[in-house]
Amino acid sequence: MDLQAVFFDMDGLLVDTEKIWLEIESEVMGRLGGTWTPDHQVHLLGGSMERAVGYMLSASGSGESAATVGQWMVSGMVERLSGGVRVMPGASELLDALRDEGVPVGLVTSSLGEIADAVLKGVGRDRFDLVVTADDVERTKPDPEPYLTAARLLGVPPVRCVVLEDSPNGVAAATAAGCAVVAVPSLLPVEAAAGRLVVSSLEEVTVDRLRGLLPGA
């Protein structure tokens, strides 16, 4: 069996949003009376909005409601993303190559659908056969549910899919789902392992390299 689907993570892998997240988190933490640093951000890499909000409330000691803080985060991100976002080097070329070879492509993110929609306005929703966000699952990364959901919706076995990720949480989710993984580490290192290719940029990734990660290749 050949490569049957490729799943892209969004933040830090498909698009360069980690700096934007840091800006918004810093602004929100300021509203909560605390301070935010890149070290704080590392704790949340590849995680859900719920986890981020809980962490910020705990770190600040604020009595603000989680719903309010979450809305600050979402509205801030959507507003900032409306000005456009930079696609990571090699991402567009890989998407085009996969489309040319007829390989289904999905976007699988721990971000909420509203934030994913804002990103996709700039990237192109039509470049993806499906999109799975935090709104579509009960458990986000590092749980395998997001990638298992994506494979189920496309009707393909996870073992014939390759996932592109930048965070340890995302890599853990993809591995637990049974997918092969290409890791492009951003803020945290990711170690090489069986069924896992670690590269410095998507510019190093070709469709043939993706196929080579599959069992029996």
N, C-alpha and C. Protein backbone atom coordinates (compact mmCIF):
# COMPACT_ATOMS: atom_id res chain seq x y z
N MET A 1 0.85 -1.20 0.00
CA MET A 1 0.00 0.00 0.00
C MET A 1 0.88 1.25 0.00
N ASP A 2 0.41 2.27 -0.68
CA ASP A 2 1.17 3.50 -0.82
C ASP A 2 0.78 4.50 0.27
N LEU A 3 1.41 5.65 0.21
CA LEU A 3 1.08 6.76 1.09
C LEU A 3 -0.37 7.17 0.83
N GLN A 4 -1.21 7.12 1.88
CA GLN A 4 -2.64 7.36 1.69
C GLN A 4 -3.12 8.70 2.22
N ALA A 5 -2.33 9.37 3.06
CA ALA A 5 -2.70 10.72 3.51
C ALA A 5 -1.51 11.34 4.23
N VAL A 6 -1.46 12.66 4.20
CA VAL A 6 -0.45 13.42 4.94
C VAL A 6 -1.19 14.48 5.75
N PHE A 7 -0.85 14.56 7.03
CA PHE A 7 -1.50 15.51 7.93
C PHE A 7 -0.50 16.56 8.40
N PHE A 8 -0.86 17.82 8.22
CA PHE A 8 -0.04 18.94 8.65
C PHE A 8 -0.56 19.50 9.97
N ASP A 9 0.34 19.70 10.93
CA ASP A 9 0.03 20.54 12.08
C ASP A 9 -0.03 21.98 11.56
N MET A 10 -0.58 22.89 12.36
CA MET A 10 -0.72 24.27 11.90
C MET A 10 0.33 25.20 12.52
N ASP A 11 0.19 25.51 13.80
CA ASP A 11 1.03 26.51 14.46
C ASP A 11 2.48 26.05 14.54
N GLY A 12 3.37 26.82 13.93
CA GLY A 12 4.79 26.51 14.01
C GLY A 12 5.28 25.53 12.97
N LEU A 13 4.35 24.86 12.30
CA LEU A 13 4.72 23.88 11.26
C LEU A 13 4.29 24.36 9.89
N LEU A 14 3.00 24.60 9.72
CA LEU A 14 2.49 25.12 8.45
C LEU A 14 2.71 26.63 8.36
N VAL A 15 2.43 27.32 9.45
CA VAL A 15 2.54 28.78 9.46
C VAL A 15 3.33 29.26 10.69
N ASP A 16 3.96 30.39 10.53
CA ASP A 16 4.81 30.96 11.57
C ASP A 16 3.97 31.80 12.52
N THR A 17 3.27 31.12 13.43
CA THR A 17 2.37 31.82 14.35
C THR A 17 2.88 31.86 15.79
N GLU A 18 3.97 31.17 16.09
CA GLU A 18 4.41 31.11 17.48
C GLU A 18 4.75 32.50 18.03
N LYS A 19 5.32 33.37 17.20
CA LYS A 19 5.61 34.73 17.66
C LYS A 19 4.32 35.50 17.93
N ILE A 20 3.30 35.25 17.12
CA ILE A 20 2.01 35.91 17.33
C ILE A 20 1.38 35.41 18.61
N TRP A 21 1.45 34.11 18.85
CA TRP A 21 0.94 33.56 20.11
C TRP A 21 1.64 34.20 21.31
N LEU A 22 2.96 34.35 21.21
CA LEU A 22 3.71 34.95 22.31
C LEU A 22 3.24 36.38 22.56
N GLU A 23 2.99 37.14 21.51
CA GLU A 23 2.51 38.51 21.66
C GLU A 23 1.15 38.55 22.34
N ILE A 24 0.24 37.69 21.89
CA ILE A 24 -1.12 37.68 22.46
C ILE A 24 -1.09 37.20 23.90
N GLU A 25 -0.33 36.14 24.17
CA GLU A 25 -0.23 35.63 25.54
C GLU A 25 0.35 36.69 26.47
N SER A 26 1.33 37.44 25.99
CA SER A 26 1.94 38.50 26.80
C SER A 26 0.91 39.59 27.11
N GLU A 27 0.13 39.95 26.09
CA GLU A 27 -0.89 40.98 26.28
C GLU A 27 -1.97 40.52 27.28
N VAL A 28 -2.42 39.28 27.12
CA VAL A 28 -3.45 38.75 28.01
C VAL A 28 -2.92 38.62 29.43
N MET A 29 -1.68 38.16 29.57
CA MET A 29 -1.11 38.02 30.91
C MET A 29 -0.99 39.39 31.57
N GLY A 30 -0.69 40.40 30.78
CA GLY A 30 -0.64 41.75 31.33
C GLY A 30 -2.00 42.19 31.86
N ARG A 31 -3.06 41.84 31.15
CA ARG A 31 -4.41 42.17 31.60
C ARG A 31 -4.74 41.44 32.89
N LEU A 32 -4.09 40.27 33.09
CA LEU A 32 -4.33 39.49 34.31
C LEU A 32 -3.44 39.94 35.47
N GLY A 33 -2.56 40.90 35.20
CA GLY A 33 -1.68 41.42 36.25
C GLY A 33 -0.39 40.67 36.41
N GLY A 34 -0.04 39.81 35.44
CA GLY A 34 1.19 39.04 35.51
C GLY A 34 2.11 39.36 34.36
N THR A 35 3.18 38.60 34.25
CA THR A 35 4.12 38.76 33.14
C THR A 35 4.29 37.43 32.42
N TRP A 36 4.64 37.49 31.15
CA TRP A 36 4.74 36.31 30.31
C TRP A 36 6.09 36.31 29.61
N THR A 37 6.72 35.15 29.56
CA THR A 37 8.04 35.04 28.92
C THR A 37 8.04 33.87 27.95
N PRO A 38 9.04 33.80 27.08
CA PRO A 38 9.15 32.64 26.19
C PRO A 38 9.22 31.31 26.94
N ASP A 39 9.76 31.32 28.16
CA ASP A 39 9.82 30.09 28.95
C ASP A 39 8.42 29.60 29.29
N HIS A 40 7.50 30.54 29.58
CA HIS A 40 6.11 30.15 29.81
C HIS A 40 5.52 29.53 28.56
N GLN A 41 5.79 30.14 27.42
CA GLN A 41 5.22 29.67 26.16
C GLN A 41 5.63 28.23 25.86
N VAL A 42 6.86 27.88 26.20
CA VAL A 42 7.36 26.54 25.93
C VAL A 42 6.49 25.48 26.62
N HIS A 43 5.97 25.80 27.81
CA HIS A 43 5.14 24.86 28.55
C HIS A 43 3.85 24.52 27.79
N LEU A 44 3.42 25.42 26.90
CA LEU A 44 2.13 25.27 26.24
C LEU A 44 2.25 24.82 24.79
N LEU A 45 3.45 24.61 24.31
CA LEU A 45 3.67 24.31 22.90
C LEU A 45 2.91 23.05 22.48
N GLY A 46 2.08 23.21 21.44
CA GLY A 46 1.33 22.08 20.93
C GLY A 46 0.13 21.69 21.76
N GLY A 47 -0.22 22.51 22.74
CA GLY A 47 -1.34 22.19 23.62
C GLY A 47 -2.61 22.92 23.24
N SER A 48 -3.65 22.72 24.04
CA SER A 48 -4.97 23.27 23.74
C SER A 48 -5.16 24.65 24.37
N MET A 49 -6.19 25.36 23.91
CA MET A 49 -6.55 26.64 24.49
C MET A 49 -6.95 26.47 25.96
N GLU A 50 -7.68 25.41 26.26
CA GLU A 50 -8.09 25.17 27.65
C GLU A 50 -6.88 25.06 28.57
N ARG A 51 -5.88 24.33 28.12
CA ARG A 51 -4.67 24.18 28.92
C ARG A 51 -3.94 25.51 29.07
N ALA A 52 -3.88 26.28 27.99
CA ALA A 52 -3.20 27.58 28.03
C ALA A 52 -3.88 28.52 29.01
N VAL A 53 -5.20 28.59 28.94
CA VAL A 53 -5.94 29.48 29.83
C VAL A 53 -5.76 29.08 31.28
N GLY A 54 -5.86 27.78 31.57
CA GLY A 54 -5.67 27.31 32.93
C GLY A 54 -4.29 27.64 33.47
N TYR A 55 -3.30 27.45 32.62
CA TYR A 55 -1.92 27.75 33.02
C TYR A 55 -1.76 29.24 33.31
N MET A 56 -2.33 30.09 32.48
CA MET A 56 -2.19 31.54 32.66
C MET A 56 -2.89 32.02 33.92
N LEU A 57 -4.05 31.46 34.19
CA LEU A 57 -4.77 31.84 35.41
C LEU A 57 -4.00 31.40 36.65
N SER A 58 -3.42 30.21 36.59
CA SER A 58 -2.63 29.72 37.72
C SER A 58 -1.37 30.56 37.91
N ALA A 59 -0.68 30.86 36.82
CA ALA A 59 0.57 31.63 36.92
C ALA A 59 0.35 33.05 37.38
N SER A 60 -0.79 33.64 37.01
CA SER A 60 -1.06 35.04 37.37
C SER A 60 -1.74 35.17 38.72
N GLY A 61 -2.42 34.11 39.16
CA GLY A 61 -3.18 34.18 40.40
C GLY A 61 -4.45 35.00 40.26
N SER A 62 -4.87 35.26 39.02
CA SER A 62 -6.05 36.08 38.77
C SER A 62 -7.33 35.32 39.05
N GLY A 63 -8.37 36.05 39.40
CA GLY A 63 -9.67 35.46 39.62
C GLY A 63 -10.59 35.60 38.43
N GLU A 64 -10.04 36.04 37.30
CA GLU A 64 -10.84 36.20 36.08
C GLU A 64 -11.36 34.84 35.63
N SER A 65 -12.48 34.84 34.92
CA SER A 65 -13.06 33.57 34.48
C SER A 65 -12.30 33.02 33.28
N ALA A 66 -12.27 31.69 33.19
CA ALA A 66 -11.58 31.04 32.07
C ALA A 66 -12.23 31.42 30.74
N ALA A 67 -13.54 31.57 30.73
CA ALA A 67 -14.24 31.92 29.50
C ALA A 67 -13.81 33.28 28.99
N THR A 68 -13.65 34.23 29.90
CA THR A 68 -13.24 35.58 29.51
C THR A 68 -11.82 35.58 28.97
N VAL A 69 -10.92 34.89 29.66
CA VAL A 69 -9.53 34.83 29.21
C VAL A 69 -9.43 34.14 27.86
N GLY A 70 -10.19 33.08 27.68
CA GLY A 70 -10.20 32.38 26.41
C GLY A 70 -10.66 33.28 25.28
N GLN A 71 -11.68 34.10 25.54
CA GLN A 71 -12.17 35.01 24.52
C GLN A 71 -11.14 36.09 24.19
N TRP A 72 -10.41 36.55 25.20
CA TRP A 72 -9.33 37.51 24.95
C TRP A 72 -8.30 36.90 24.01
N MET A 73 -7.97 35.65 24.26
CA MET A 73 -6.96 34.97 23.45
C MET A 73 -7.44 34.80 22.01
N VAL A 74 -8.66 34.30 21.85
CA VAL A 74 -9.18 34.04 20.52
C VAL A 74 -9.33 35.32 19.72
N SER A 75 -9.96 36.34 20.32
CA SER A 75 -10.18 37.58 19.59
C SER A 75 -8.86 38.24 19.22
N GLY A 76 -7.88 38.15 20.13
CA GLY A 76 -6.57 38.73 19.84
C GLY A 76 -5.88 38.03 18.68
N MET A 77 -5.95 36.70 18.67
CA MET A 77 -5.32 35.93 17.60
C MET A 77 -6.01 36.18 16.26
N VAL A 78 -7.33 36.16 16.25
CA VAL A 78 -8.06 36.35 15.00
C VAL A 78 -7.78 37.73 14.41
N GLU A 79 -7.76 38.73 15.29
CA GLU A 79 -7.47 40.09 14.81
C GLU A 79 -6.07 40.18 14.23
N ARG A 80 -5.09 39.59 14.90
CA ARG A 80 -3.71 39.66 14.45
C ARG A 80 -3.53 38.85 13.15
N LEU A 81 -4.19 37.70 13.07
CA LEU A 81 -4.05 36.85 11.89
C LEU A 81 -4.74 37.43 10.66
N SER A 82 -5.70 38.33 10.88
CA SER A 82 -6.41 38.92 9.75
C SER A 82 -5.48 39.74 8.86
N GLY A 83 -4.34 40.12 9.42
CA GLY A 83 -3.36 40.86 8.64
C GLY A 83 -2.47 39.95 7.80
N GLY A 84 -2.71 38.64 7.87
CA GLY A 84 -1.91 37.68 7.12
C GLY A 84 -0.91 36.97 8.00
N VAL A 85 -0.43 35.84 7.53
CA VAL A 85 0.52 35.03 8.29
C VAL A 85 1.52 34.42 7.32
N ARG A 86 2.74 34.26 7.78
CA ARG A 86 3.80 33.72 6.91
C ARG A 86 3.74 32.20 6.89
N VAL A 87 3.66 31.65 5.69
CA VAL A 87 3.73 30.19 5.52
C VAL A 87 5.18 29.77 5.69
N MET A 88 5.41 28.69 6.41
CA MET A 88 6.77 28.24 6.69
C MET A 88 7.47 27.80 5.41
N PRO A 89 8.78 27.98 5.33
CA PRO A 89 9.53 27.60 4.13
C PRO A 89 9.31 26.14 3.75
N GLY A 90 9.02 25.91 2.49
CA GLY A 90 8.83 24.55 1.99
C GLY A 90 7.41 24.03 2.09
N ALA A 91 6.55 24.69 2.88
CA ALA A 91 5.20 24.17 3.09
C ALA A 91 4.35 24.23 1.82
N SER A 92 4.37 25.36 1.14
CA SER A 92 3.56 25.50 -0.08
C SER A 92 4.01 24.54 -1.15
N GLU A 93 5.32 24.40 -1.30
CA GLU A 93 5.86 23.50 -2.31
C GLU A 93 5.47 22.04 -2.02
N LEU A 94 5.51 21.65 -0.75
CA LEU A 94 5.13 20.28 -0.39
C LEU A 94 3.64 20.05 -0.61
N LEU A 95 2.83 21.03 -0.26
CA LEU A 95 1.39 20.92 -0.50
C LEU A 95 1.10 20.75 -1.99
N ASP A 96 1.79 21.53 -2.81
CA ASP A 96 1.60 21.43 -4.26
C ASP A 96 2.02 20.05 -4.78
N ALA A 97 3.15 19.53 -4.28
CA ALA A 97 3.65 18.24 -4.72
C ALA A 97 2.68 17.12 -4.35
N LEU A 98 2.13 17.19 -3.14
CA LEU A 98 1.17 16.18 -2.70
C LEU A 98 -0.10 16.24 -3.55
N ARG A 99 -0.54 17.45 -3.85
CA ARG A 99 -1.73 17.61 -4.69
C ARG A 99 -1.47 17.04 -6.08
N ASP A 100 -0.30 17.31 -6.64
CA ASP A 100 0.04 16.82 -7.97
C ASP A 100 0.03 15.30 -8.03
N GLU A 101 0.37 14.64 -6.91
CA GLU A 101 0.41 13.18 -6.88
C GLU A 101 -0.88 12.56 -6.34
N GLY A 102 -1.86 13.41 -6.07
CA GLY A 102 -3.16 12.91 -5.65
C GLY A 102 -3.21 12.36 -4.24
N VAL A 103 -2.28 12.79 -3.39
CA VAL A 103 -2.27 12.33 -2.00
C VAL A 103 -3.17 13.24 -1.16
N PRO A 104 -4.19 12.71 -0.48
CA PRO A 104 -5.05 13.53 0.37
C PRO A 104 -4.25 14.22 1.48
N VAL A 105 -4.64 15.44 1.79
CA VAL A 105 -3.93 16.25 2.78
C VAL A 105 -4.92 16.79 3.80
N GLY A 106 -4.56 16.69 5.08
CA GLY A 106 -5.40 17.24 6.14
C GLY A 106 -4.63 18.20 7.01
N LEU A 107 -5.35 19.14 7.61
CA LEU A 107 -4.79 20.04 8.62
C LEU A 107 -5.34 19.59 9.97
N VAL A 108 -4.45 19.30 10.91
CA VAL A 108 -4.87 18.80 12.23
C VAL A 108 -4.21 19.67 13.29
N THR A 109 -5.03 20.46 13.99
CA THR A 109 -4.50 21.45 14.91
C THR A 109 -5.20 21.41 16.27
N SER A 110 -4.46 21.80 17.31
CA SER A 110 -5.05 21.92 18.65
C SER A 110 -5.70 23.29 18.84
N SER A 111 -5.55 24.16 17.86
CA SER A 111 -6.20 25.47 17.93
C SER A 111 -7.69 25.34 17.69
N LEU A 112 -8.45 26.32 18.14
CA LEU A 112 -9.89 26.34 17.92
C LEU A 112 -10.19 26.62 16.46
N GLY A 113 -11.38 26.23 16.02
CA GLY A 113 -11.77 26.41 14.63
C GLY A 113 -11.74 27.85 14.18
N GLU A 114 -12.09 28.78 15.05
CA GLU A 114 -12.10 30.19 14.68
C GLU A 114 -10.71 30.68 14.32
N ILE A 115 -9.71 30.19 15.05
CA ILE A 115 -8.32 30.58 14.77
C ILE A 115 -7.83 29.89 13.49
N ALA A 116 -8.17 28.62 13.33
CA ALA A 116 -7.79 27.91 12.11
C ALA A 116 -8.40 28.57 10.89
N ASP A 117 -9.65 29.00 10.98
CA ASP A 117 -10.31 29.67 9.87
C ASP A 117 -9.56 30.94 9.47
N ALA A 118 -9.09 31.68 10.48
CA ALA A 118 -8.36 32.92 10.20
C ALA A 118 -7.05 32.62 9.47
N VAL A 119 -6.38 31.55 9.86
CA VAL A 119 -5.14 31.15 9.19
C VAL A 119 -5.42 30.71 7.76
N LEU A 120 -6.47 29.92 7.59
CA LEU A 120 -6.76 29.33 6.28
C LEU A 120 -7.23 30.36 5.27
N LYS A 121 -7.70 31.50 5.73
CA LYS A 121 -8.06 32.57 4.79
C LYS A 121 -6.83 33.03 4.03
N GLY A 122 -5.68 32.95 4.68
CA GLY A 122 -4.44 33.37 4.03
C GLY A 122 -3.75 32.23 3.30
N VAL A 123 -3.87 31.01 3.84
CA VAL A 123 -3.17 29.86 3.27
C VAL A 123 -3.96 29.23 2.13
N GLY A 124 -5.29 29.21 2.29
CA GLY A 124 -6.15 28.59 1.30
C GLY A 124 -6.81 27.33 1.83
N ARG A 125 -8.08 27.42 2.17
CA ARG A 125 -8.81 26.26 2.69
C ARG A 125 -8.89 25.14 1.67
N ASP A 126 -8.90 25.51 0.38
CA ASP A 126 -9.04 24.51 -0.66
C ASP A 126 -7.80 23.65 -0.86
N ARG A 127 -6.73 23.97 -0.15
CA ARG A 127 -5.51 23.15 -0.25
C ARG A 127 -5.59 21.91 0.63
N PHE A 128 -6.65 21.81 1.44
CA PHE A 128 -6.78 20.69 2.38
C PHE A 128 -8.08 19.93 2.13
N ASP A 129 -7.97 18.62 2.19
CA ASP A 129 -9.14 17.77 2.01
C ASP A 129 -10.00 17.72 3.26
N LEU A 130 -9.41 17.97 4.40
CA LEU A 130 -10.18 18.08 5.64
C LEU A 130 -9.40 18.89 6.65
N VAL A 131 -10.12 19.43 7.63
CA VAL A 131 -9.52 20.20 8.72
C VAL A 131 -10.09 19.68 10.03
N VAL A 132 -9.22 19.31 10.96
CA VAL A 132 -9.63 18.87 12.29
C VAL A 132 -9.05 19.85 13.30
N THR A 133 -9.92 20.47 14.10
CA THR A 133 -9.50 21.43 15.12
C THR A 133 -9.90 20.95 16.50
N ALA A 134 -9.60 21.75 17.50
CA ALA A 134 -9.97 21.39 18.88
C ALA A 134 -11.48 21.29 19.05
N ASP A 135 -12.24 21.95 18.17
CA ASP A 135 -13.71 21.88 18.25
C ASP A 135 -14.24 20.52 17.82
N ASP A 136 -13.42 19.74 17.14
CA ASP A 136 -13.88 18.48 16.55
C ASP A 136 -13.56 17.25 17.38
N VAL A 137 -12.86 17.42 18.49
CA VAL A 137 -12.44 16.28 19.31
C VAL A 137 -12.71 16.55 20.78
N GLU A 138 -12.72 15.49 21.56
CA GLU A 138 -12.86 15.64 23.01
C GLU A 138 -11.51 15.82 23.68
N ARG A 139 -10.46 15.20 23.10
CA ARG A 139 -9.12 15.27 23.68
C ARG A 139 -8.15 15.75 22.61
N THR A 140 -7.40 16.79 22.92
CA THR A 140 -6.44 17.34 21.97
C THR A 140 -5.06 16.70 22.18
N LYS A 141 -4.12 17.03 21.32
CA LYS A 141 -2.75 16.54 21.44
C LYS A 141 -2.20 16.85 22.83
N PRO A 142 -1.47 15.92 23.47
CA PRO A 142 -0.80 14.74 22.92
C PRO A 142 -1.65 13.48 22.79
N ASP A 143 -2.96 13.56 23.04
CA ASP A 143 -3.82 12.40 22.82
C ASP A 143 -3.88 12.11 21.32
N PRO A 144 -3.95 10.86 20.92
CA PRO A 144 -3.99 10.53 19.49
C PRO A 144 -5.32 10.84 18.80
N GLU A 145 -6.34 11.21 19.56
CA GLU A 145 -7.67 11.39 18.98
C GLU A 145 -7.69 12.29 17.74
N PRO A 146 -7.00 13.44 17.72
CA PRO A 146 -7.07 14.29 16.51
C PRO A 146 -6.62 13.58 15.25
N TYR A 147 -5.52 12.83 15.32
CA TYR A 147 -5.03 12.15 14.13
C TYR A 147 -5.85 10.91 13.80
N LEU A 148 -6.36 10.22 14.80
CA LEU A 148 -7.25 9.09 14.54
C LEU A 148 -8.54 9.58 13.88
N THR A 149 -9.01 10.74 14.32
CA THR A 149 -10.22 11.33 13.72
C THR A 149 -9.98 11.69 12.26
N ALA A 150 -8.84 12.30 11.97
CA ALA A 150 -8.53 12.69 10.60
C ALA A 150 -8.45 11.46 9.69
N ALA A 151 -7.78 10.41 10.16
CA ALA A 151 -7.67 9.19 9.36
C ALA A 151 -9.04 8.55 9.14
N ARG A 152 -9.86 8.53 10.18
CA ARG A 152 -11.20 7.94 10.06
C ARG A 152 -12.05 8.72 9.06
N LEU A 153 -11.98 10.04 9.10
CA LEU A 153 -12.79 10.85 8.19
C LEU A 153 -12.38 10.66 6.73
N LEU A 154 -11.10 10.39 6.52
CA LEU A 154 -10.64 10.13 5.15
C LEU A 154 -10.78 8.66 4.76
N GLY A 155 -11.08 7.80 5.74
CA GLY A 155 -11.24 6.39 5.45
C GLY A 155 -9.93 5.69 5.14
N VAL A 156 -8.85 6.11 5.82
CA VAL A 156 -7.53 5.52 5.57
C VAL A 156 -6.95 5.00 6.88
N PRO A 157 -6.11 3.95 6.83
CA PRO A 157 -5.48 3.44 8.06
C PRO A 157 -4.36 4.38 8.51
N PRO A 158 -4.27 4.70 9.78
CA PRO A 158 -3.21 5.59 10.28
C PRO A 158 -1.81 5.12 9.90
N VAL A 159 -1.61 3.81 9.82
CA VAL A 159 -0.28 3.27 9.54
C VAL A 159 0.19 3.62 8.12
N ARG A 160 -0.73 4.07 7.26
CA ARG A 160 -0.36 4.49 5.91
C ARG A 160 -0.38 6.02 5.77
N CYS A 161 -0.34 6.71 6.91
CA CYS A 161 -0.34 8.17 6.92
C CYS A 161 0.96 8.71 7.50
N VAL A 162 1.35 9.89 7.06
CA VAL A 162 2.50 10.58 7.64
C VAL A 162 2.03 11.92 8.19
N VAL A 163 2.52 12.23 9.38
CA VAL A 163 2.18 13.48 10.07
C VAL A 163 3.40 14.40 10.08
N LEU A 164 3.15 15.68 9.84
CA LEU A 164 4.19 16.71 9.92
C LEU A 164 3.93 17.55 11.16
N GLU A 165 4.89 17.57 12.09
CA GLU A 165 4.71 18.23 13.39
C GLU A 165 5.95 19.03 13.78
N ASP A 166 5.76 19.98 14.72
CA ASP A 166 6.90 20.74 15.23
C ASP A 166 7.11 20.60 16.72
N SER A 167 6.15 20.03 17.45
CA SER A 167 6.23 19.98 18.91
C SER A 167 6.24 18.56 19.43
N PRO A 168 6.84 18.33 20.60
CA PRO A 168 6.80 17.00 21.22
C PRO A 168 5.37 16.51 21.46
N ASN A 169 4.46 17.41 21.84
CA ASN A 169 3.07 17.00 22.05
C ASN A 169 2.45 16.47 20.76
N GLY A 170 2.69 17.17 19.67
CA GLY A 170 2.14 16.73 18.39
C GLY A 170 2.76 15.44 17.92
N VAL A 171 4.06 15.30 18.09
CA VAL A 171 4.75 14.07 17.72
C VAL A 171 4.19 12.90 18.53
N ALA A 172 3.98 13.11 19.83
CA ALA A 172 3.44 12.06 20.68
C ALA A 172 2.05 11.64 20.22
N ALA A 173 1.23 12.60 19.84
CA ALA A 173 -0.12 12.30 19.37
C ALA A 173 -0.08 11.47 18.10
N ALA A 174 0.77 11.88 17.15
CA ALA A 174 0.85 11.18 15.87
C ALA A 174 1.40 9.76 16.05
N THR A 175 2.41 9.62 16.89
CA THR A 175 3.01 8.31 17.14
C THR A 175 2.02 7.37 17.80
N ALA A 176 1.28 7.89 18.79
CA ALA A 176 0.28 7.06 19.48
C ALA A 176 -0.85 6.65 18.54
N ALA A 177 -1.10 7.47 17.51
CA ALA A 177 -2.15 7.13 16.54
C ALA A 177 -1.68 6.07 15.56
N GLY A 178 -0.36 5.82 15.52
CA GLY A 178 0.18 4.83 14.61
C GLY A 178 0.70 5.38 13.30
N CYS A 179 0.82 6.70 13.22
CA CYS A 179 1.31 7.35 12.00
C CYS A 179 2.82 7.49 12.02
N ALA A 180 3.43 7.52 10.84
CA ALA A 180 4.83 7.93 10.73
C ALA A 180 4.89 9.44 10.90
N VAL A 181 6.07 9.95 11.27
CA VAL A 181 6.17 11.37 11.63
C VAL A 181 7.39 12.03 11.00
N VAL A 182 7.19 13.24 10.51
CA VAL A 182 8.29 14.13 10.18
C VAL A 182 8.22 15.28 11.18
N ALA A 183 9.29 15.46 11.95
CA ALA A 183 9.34 16.52 12.94
C ALA A 183 10.24 17.65 12.45
N VAL A 184 9.72 18.87 12.53
CA VAL A 184 10.50 20.08 12.23
C VAL A 184 10.49 20.90 13.52
N PRO A 185 11.38 20.59 14.48
CA PRO A 185 11.30 21.20 15.81
C PRO A 185 11.36 22.73 15.76
N SER A 186 10.52 23.36 16.59
CA SER A 186 10.51 24.81 16.68
C SER A 186 11.11 25.27 18.01
N LEU A 187 10.30 25.29 19.06
CA LEU A 187 10.79 25.79 20.35
C LEU A 187 11.41 24.72 21.23
N LEU A 188 11.06 23.46 20.99
CA LEU A 188 11.58 22.36 21.79
C LEU A 188 12.18 21.30 20.88
N PRO A 189 13.23 20.61 21.33
CA PRO A 189 13.85 19.58 20.49
C PRO A 189 12.97 18.34 20.39
N VAL A 190 13.15 17.62 19.29
CA VAL A 190 12.49 16.33 19.08
C VAL A 190 13.56 15.35 18.63
N GLU A 191 13.62 14.21 19.28
CA GLU A 191 14.65 13.22 18.97
C GLU A 191 14.21 12.33 17.80
N ALA A 192 15.17 11.89 17.01
CA ALA A 192 14.90 10.93 15.95
C ALA A 192 14.50 9.60 16.57
N ALA A 193 13.70 8.82 15.84
CA ALA A 193 13.26 7.51 16.33
C ALA A 193 12.79 6.70 15.14
N ALA A 194 12.48 5.45 15.38
CA ALA A 194 11.97 4.59 14.31
C ALA A 194 10.66 5.17 13.79
N GLY A 195 10.52 5.25 12.48
CA GLY A 195 9.31 5.80 11.90
C GLY A 195 9.21 7.31 12.03
N ARG A 196 10.30 7.94 12.36
CA ARG A 196 10.30 9.40 12.56
C ARG A 196 11.52 10.02 11.91
N LEU A 197 11.29 11.02 11.09
CA LEU A 197 12.35 11.79 10.45
C LEU A 197 12.39 13.18 11.07
N VAL A 198 13.56 13.62 11.51
CA VAL A 198 13.71 14.96 12.09
C VAL A 198 14.52 15.81 11.13
N VAL A 199 13.94 16.94 10.71
CA VAL A 199 14.60 17.83 9.76
C VAL A 199 14.54 19.26 10.30
N SER A 200 15.31 20.14 9.69
CA SER A 200 15.33 21.53 10.14
C SER A 200 14.33 22.40 9.41
N SER A 201 13.80 21.91 8.29
CA SER A 201 12.86 22.70 7.49
C SER A 201 12.06 21.77 6.59
N LEU A 202 10.84 22.19 6.24
CA LEU A 202 10.05 21.44 5.29
C LEU A 202 10.66 21.46 3.90
N GLU A 203 11.61 22.35 3.68
CA GLU A 203 12.31 22.38 2.40
C GLU A 203 13.09 21.09 2.15
N GLU A 204 13.36 20.34 3.22
CA GLU A 204 14.09 19.08 3.10
C GLU A 204 13.16 17.89 2.83
N VAL A 205 11.87 18.15 2.79
CA VAL A 205 10.89 17.06 2.71
C VAL A 205 10.33 16.95 1.29
N THR A 206 10.34 15.73 0.75
CA THR A 206 9.73 15.43 -0.54
C THR A 206 8.68 14.34 -0.35
N VAL A 207 7.86 14.15 -1.34
CA VAL A 207 6.85 13.09 -1.26
C VAL A 207 7.53 11.73 -1.16
N ASP A 208 8.62 11.54 -1.86
CA ASP A 208 9.34 10.27 -1.79
C ASP A 208 9.90 10.02 -0.38
N ARG A 209 10.38 11.07 0.27
CA ARG A 209 10.88 10.89 1.64
C ARG A 209 9.73 10.51 2.58
N LEU A 210 8.56 11.06 2.34
CA LEU A 210 7.39 10.68 3.15
C LEU A 210 7.05 9.21 2.94
N ARG A 211 7.06 8.78 1.69
CA ARG A 211 6.76 7.38 1.40
C ARG A 211 7.79 6.46 2.07
N GLY A 212 9.03 6.90 2.11
CA GLY A 212 10.09 6.08 2.68
C GLY A 212 9.95 5.83 4.17
N LEU A 213 9.09 6.57 4.85
CA LEU A 213 8.87 6.38 6.28
C LEU A 213 7.85 5.30 6.60
N LEU A 214 7.09 4.89 5.61
CA LEU A 214 6.02 3.94 5.85
C LEU A 214 6.54 2.51 6.04
N PRO A 215 5.85 1.71 6.83
CA PRO A 215 6.24 0.32 7.02
C PRO A 215 6.36 -0.41 5.69
N GLY A 216 7.42 -1.16 5.52
CA GLY A 216 7.61 -1.92 4.31
C GLY A 216 8.22 -1.14 3.16
N ALA A 217 8.50 0.16 3.38
CA ALA A 217 9.07 0.98 2.31
C ALA A 217 10.51 0.54 2.01
